[in-house]
Amino acid sequence: MAEKTTIDCGTRLSIDQAESLYQSFETALLTGADLSLKAGDVQFSDTAGLQMIISLKKTLAQTGHDITWENVSDNLKETAGYLGLTEPLNLSAQ
């Protein structure tokens, strides 16, 4: 089984949390493992936060790794749906 790094997205997946999330993502990329995102507590998400996840997903794909989700909040699902990002974020099965 492939190794996996887990990151908790907290309550906000947004521009105001971008720097701290980016640092977590960057560290995770260095491990060379798949990434699991805990997003069950996300109460607010915006375009910047979701764009960062898509960028991370593309970067991971270049190394043969991917993102999986652990619990996804209704807010995150709803925001991704409004922005047409359900498929690119692999949230359709959530």
Protein backbone atom coordinates (compact mmCIF):
# COMPACT_ATOMS: atom_id res chain seq x y z
CA MET A 1 0.00 0.00 0.00
CA ALA A 2 1.32 3.45 -0.90
CA GLU A 3 2.24 5.86 1.83
CA LYS A 4 -0.16 8.67 2.55
CA THR A 5 0.22 12.06 4.21
CA THR A 6 -2.86 13.54 5.89
CA ILE A 7 -3.55 17.27 6.15
CA ASP A 8 -6.44 18.77 8.08
CA CYS A 9 -7.96 21.69 6.14
CA GLY A 10 -9.44 23.17 9.32
CA THR A 11 -12.56 25.31 9.20
CA ARG A 12 -11.53 27.60 6.33
CA LEU A 13 -10.24 26.59 2.92
CA SER A 14 -9.78 30.14 1.70
CA ILE A 15 -7.41 32.93 0.73
CA ASP A 16 -6.83 33.93 4.36
CA GLN A 17 -5.54 30.42 5.13
CA ALA A 18 -3.63 29.99 1.87
CA GLU A 19 -0.16 30.62 3.28
CA SER A 20 -0.40 28.11 6.13
CA LEU A 21 -2.09 25.50 3.93
CA TYR A 22 0.50 26.05 1.20
CA GLN A 23 3.29 25.35 3.69
CA SER A 24 1.56 22.13 4.74
CA PHE A 25 1.07 21.11 1.12
CA GLU A 26 4.68 21.90 0.24
CA THR A 27 5.93 19.75 3.11
CA ALA A 28 3.61 16.94 2.02
CA LEU A 29 4.92 17.11 -1.55
CA LEU A 30 8.44 16.54 -0.26
CA THR A 31 7.38 13.24 1.32
CA GLY A 32 6.60 11.81 -2.10
CA ALA A 33 3.35 10.22 -0.98
CA ASP A 34 -0.33 10.40 -1.78
CA LEU A 35 -2.18 13.12 0.09
CA SER A 36 -5.35 12.75 2.14
CA LEU A 37 -7.28 15.92 2.95
CA LYS A 38 -9.55 16.09 6.00
CA ALA A 39 -12.27 18.56 5.08
CA GLY A 40 -15.21 17.65 7.27
CA ASP A 41 -14.89 20.79 9.39
CA VAL A 42 -14.63 23.29 6.51
CA GLN A 43 -17.26 25.96 7.14
CA PHE A 44 -16.05 28.43 4.50
CA SER A 45 -14.27 27.89 1.21
CA ASP A 46 -13.51 30.19 -1.69
CA THR A 47 -12.05 30.15 -5.18
CA ALA A 48 -8.47 30.72 -3.99
CA GLY A 49 -8.59 27.76 -1.62
CA LEU A 50 -10.05 25.45 -4.24
CA GLN A 51 -7.59 26.63 -6.90
CA MET A 52 -4.76 25.76 -4.55
CA ILE A 53 -6.11 22.21 -4.21
CA ILE A 54 -6.40 21.84 -7.99
CA SER A 55 -2.82 23.07 -8.43
CA LEU A 56 -1.64 20.64 -5.77
CA LYS A 57 -3.54 17.82 -7.47
CA LYS A 58 -1.83 18.58 -10.80
CA THR A 59 1.59 18.69 -9.16
CA LEU A 60 1.00 15.38 -7.39
CA ALA A 61 -0.16 13.80 -10.66
CA GLN A 62 3.24 14.58 -12.20
CA THR A 63 4.85 12.34 -9.58
CA GLY A 64 2.27 9.57 -9.87
CA HIS A 65 0.42 10.53 -6.69
CA ASP A 66 -3.07 11.81 -5.99
CA ILE A 67 -5.37 13.43 -3.45
CA THR A 68 -8.09 11.60 -1.58
CA TRP A 69 -10.66 13.17 0.72
CA GLU A 70 -11.55 12.23 4.28
CA ASN A 71 -14.96 13.63 5.12
CA VAL A 72 -16.02 16.60 3.04
CA SER A 73 -18.24 19.30 4.50
CA ASP A 74 -21.45 20.35 2.82
CA ASN A 75 -19.98 23.85 2.41
CA LEU A 76 -17.03 22.55 0.42
CA LYS A 77 -19.25 20.39 -1.77
CA GLU A 78 -21.64 23.29 -2.36
CA THR A 79 -18.91 25.83 -3.19
CA ALA A 80 -17.16 23.39 -5.54
CA GLY A 81 -20.50 22.73 -7.23
CA TYR A 82 -21.23 26.43 -7.75
CA LEU A 83 -17.78 26.91 -9.28
CA GLY A 84 -18.00 23.82 -11.49
CA LEU A 85 -15.08 22.20 -9.67
CA THR A 86 -16.70 19.02 -8.37
CA GLU A 87 -15.08 16.84 -11.06
CA PRO A 88 -11.61 18.46 -11.05
CA LEU A 89 -11.49 18.10 -7.26
CA ASN A 90 -12.73 14.48 -7.34
CA LEU A 91 -15.66 15.37 -5.09
CA SER A 92 -18.34 13.67 -7.17
CA ALA A 93 -18.08 10.48 -5.13
CA GLN A 94 -18.25 12.31 -1.80
